[in-house]
Amino acid sequence: MVNENPNEEIMLKVVGISFIIGIVITLLIGIYQGWSIEQGRNFIEYEELGGLIAWILALIGIIVGLLAISGKGTITKSETPGYLIAGIALIIMYAAFQDQSISSIGPYLGSMLHGISEALAIFVAPTIIILAIKNIYDMGKDV
């Protein structure tokens, strides 16, 4: 099936590339967060710039969620359950790696896992909330 509207096709490509760029930026922030934890400071939680970056990641997550429920995003209706499960797994992963004893796995590894999972959790949590509310609404309106 060929898309008859080329502007819509371009918009989907732009949104897809933006989502991938958001994930890459989140991973880089997570790696930096892991490095800062290893240096004895927690960038995202205790520094002013870290708080601003956390808000920016959350806003990007909100935009991704709003684009997904409007049908213009990269997360389609059939992909929503899988995205919700993966997002919940990322948040659980962050909770598991938040414990300081995880650094006993080896130098930098525990801190990197903590930092990356924290940045990913901040990025996907707003999207999960938006998609979950939309799914609950969709299930409730059919009753």
Protein backbone atom coordinates (compact mmCIF):
# COMPACT_ATOMS: atom_id res chain seq x y z
CA MET A 1 0.00 0.00 0.00
CA VAL A 2 1.49 3.30 -1.14
CA ASN A 3 1.05 6.37 1.04
CA GLU A 4 -0.76 9.02 -1.02
CA ASN A 5 0.36 11.94 1.15
CA PRO A 6 4.12 12.55 0.79
CA ASN A 7 4.08 15.14 3.63
CA GLU A 8 2.80 12.50 6.04
CA GLU A 9 5.54 10.10 4.94
CA ILE A 10 8.19 12.79 5.49
CA MET A 11 6.71 13.59 8.92
CA LEU A 12 6.92 9.92 9.94
CA LYS A 13 10.58 9.80 8.88
CA VAL A 14 11.38 13.00 10.79
CA VAL A 15 9.61 11.69 13.91
CA GLY A 16 11.43 8.34 13.63
CA ILE A 17 14.82 9.99 13.28
CA SER A 18 14.00 12.35 16.17
CA PHE A 19 13.11 9.38 18.38
CA ILE A 20 16.40 7.65 17.57
CA ILE A 21 18.32 10.88 18.24
CA GLY A 22 16.48 11.17 21.57
CA ILE A 23 17.53 7.64 22.53
CA VAL A 24 21.16 8.32 21.54
CA ILE A 25 21.21 11.57 23.55
CA THR A 26 19.67 9.71 26.50
CA LEU A 27 22.35 7.01 26.30
CA LEU A 28 25.12 9.62 26.18
CA ILE A 29 23.66 11.43 29.19
CA GLY A 30 23.39 8.07 30.96
CA ILE A 31 27.04 7.28 30.28
CA TYR A 32 28.04 10.70 31.62
CA GLN A 33 25.82 10.13 34.65
CA GLY A 34 27.56 6.80 35.29
CA TRP A 35 30.95 8.47 35.02
CA SER A 36 29.89 11.22 37.43
CA ILE A 37 28.63 8.64 39.94
CA GLU A 38 32.00 6.90 39.72
CA GLN A 39 33.68 10.25 40.46
CA GLY A 40 31.65 10.57 43.66
CA ARG A 41 28.96 12.99 42.47
CA ASN A 42 25.52 12.33 41.07
CA PHE A 43 25.11 14.68 38.11
CA ILE A 44 21.37 14.33 37.48
CA GLU A 45 20.24 14.35 41.09
CA TYR A 46 22.54 16.88 42.75
CA GLU A 47 23.67 19.43 40.18
CA GLU A 48 21.53 22.24 38.77
CA LEU A 49 22.41 21.48 35.16
CA GLY A 50 21.59 17.82 35.76
CA GLY A 51 18.10 18.77 36.91
CA LEU A 52 17.60 20.85 33.77
CA ILE A 53 18.75 17.96 31.59
CA ALA A 54 16.36 15.62 33.43
CA TRP A 55 13.49 18.01 32.68
CA ILE A 56 14.51 18.18 29.01
CA LEU A 57 14.57 14.36 28.79
CA ALA A 58 11.12 14.24 30.41
CA LEU A 59 9.77 16.86 27.98
CA ILE A 60 11.11 14.86 25.03
CA GLY A 61 9.34 11.82 26.50
CA ILE A 62 6.10 13.80 26.74
CA ILE A 63 6.43 14.86 23.10
CA VAL A 64 7.02 11.25 22.04
CA GLY A 65 3.94 10.16 24.01
CA LEU A 66 1.73 12.89 22.56
CA LEU A 67 2.90 12.10 19.03
CA ALA A 68 2.18 8.41 19.66
CA ILE A 69 -1.41 8.97 20.81
CA SER A 70 -2.05 11.40 17.96
CA GLY A 71 -1.00 8.74 15.44
CA LYS A 72 1.92 10.76 14.10
CA GLY A 73 4.65 9.07 16.14
CA THR A 74 6.75 6.01 15.60
CA ILE A 75 4.85 3.99 18.23
CA THR A 76 1.82 2.54 16.49
CA LYS A 77 -1.30 1.22 18.20
CA SER A 78 -0.14 -2.38 17.69
CA GLU A 79 3.31 -1.56 19.15
CA THR A 80 1.90 0.18 22.25
CA PRO A 81 1.62 -2.93 24.50
CA GLY A 82 5.20 -3.94 23.72
CA TYR A 83 6.45 -0.39 24.33
CA LEU A 84 4.62 -0.25 27.66
CA ILE A 85 6.14 -3.56 28.78
CA ALA A 86 9.63 -2.52 27.66
CA GLY A 87 9.26 0.85 29.38
CA ILE A 88 8.15 -0.75 32.62
CA ALA A 89 11.13 -3.09 32.37
CA LEU A 90 13.44 -0.07 32.00
CA ILE A 91 11.95 1.57 35.09
CA ILE A 92 12.34 -1.65 37.08
CA MET A 93 15.92 -1.91 35.79
CA TYR A 94 16.58 1.61 37.10
CA ALA A 95 15.18 0.64 40.50
CA ALA A 96 17.44 -2.42 40.58
CA PHE A 97 20.58 -0.52 39.56
CA GLN A 98 19.90 2.37 41.94
CA ASP A 99 21.35 0.37 44.81
CA GLN A 100 24.94 1.38 45.51
CA SER A 101 25.99 -2.25 46.05
CA ILE A 102 25.66 -2.74 42.28
CA SER A 103 29.06 -1.07 41.93
CA SER A 104 30.53 -4.30 43.32
CA ILE A 105 30.12 -5.85 39.83
CA GLY A 106 33.24 -4.07 38.77
CA PRO A 107 34.74 -0.65 38.31
CA TYR A 108 32.48 1.64 36.32
CA LEU A 109 30.09 -1.13 35.19
CA GLY A 110 27.59 -0.73 38.03
CA SER A 111 27.74 3.05 37.80
CA MET A 112 27.26 2.97 34.02
CA LEU A 113 24.26 0.66 34.33
CA HIS A 114 22.84 2.96 37.00
CA GLY A 115 23.39 6.10 34.89
CA ILE A 116 22.06 4.68 31.63
CA SER A 117 19.00 3.13 33.26
CA GLU A 118 18.28 6.39 35.11
CA ALA A 119 18.42 8.50 31.94
CA LEU A 120 16.30 5.98 29.99
CA ALA A 121 13.74 5.84 32.83
CA ILE A 122 13.46 9.65 32.82
CA PHE A 123 12.99 9.60 29.03
CA VAL A 124 10.39 6.80 28.77
CA ALA A 125 8.37 7.35 31.97
CA PRO A 126 6.26 10.25 30.60
CA THR A 127 5.59 8.31 27.40
CA ILE A 128 4.51 5.27 29.40
CA ILE A 129 2.14 7.37 31.51
CA ILE A 130 0.56 9.00 28.45
CA LEU A 131 0.19 5.71 26.54
CA ALA A 132 -1.17 3.89 29.60
CA ILE A 133 -3.82 6.58 30.20
CA LYS A 134 -4.78 6.46 26.50
CA ASN A 135 -5.08 2.65 26.62
CA ILE A 136 -7.20 2.78 29.77
CA TYR A 137 -9.42 5.41 28.14
CA ASP A 138 -9.78 3.31 24.98
CA MET A 139 -10.71 0.22 27.02
CA GLY A 140 -13.19 2.19 29.12
CA LYS A 141 -14.99 3.90 26.25
CA ASP A 142 -15.93 0.54 24.73
CA VAL A 143 -17.77 -0.55 27.88
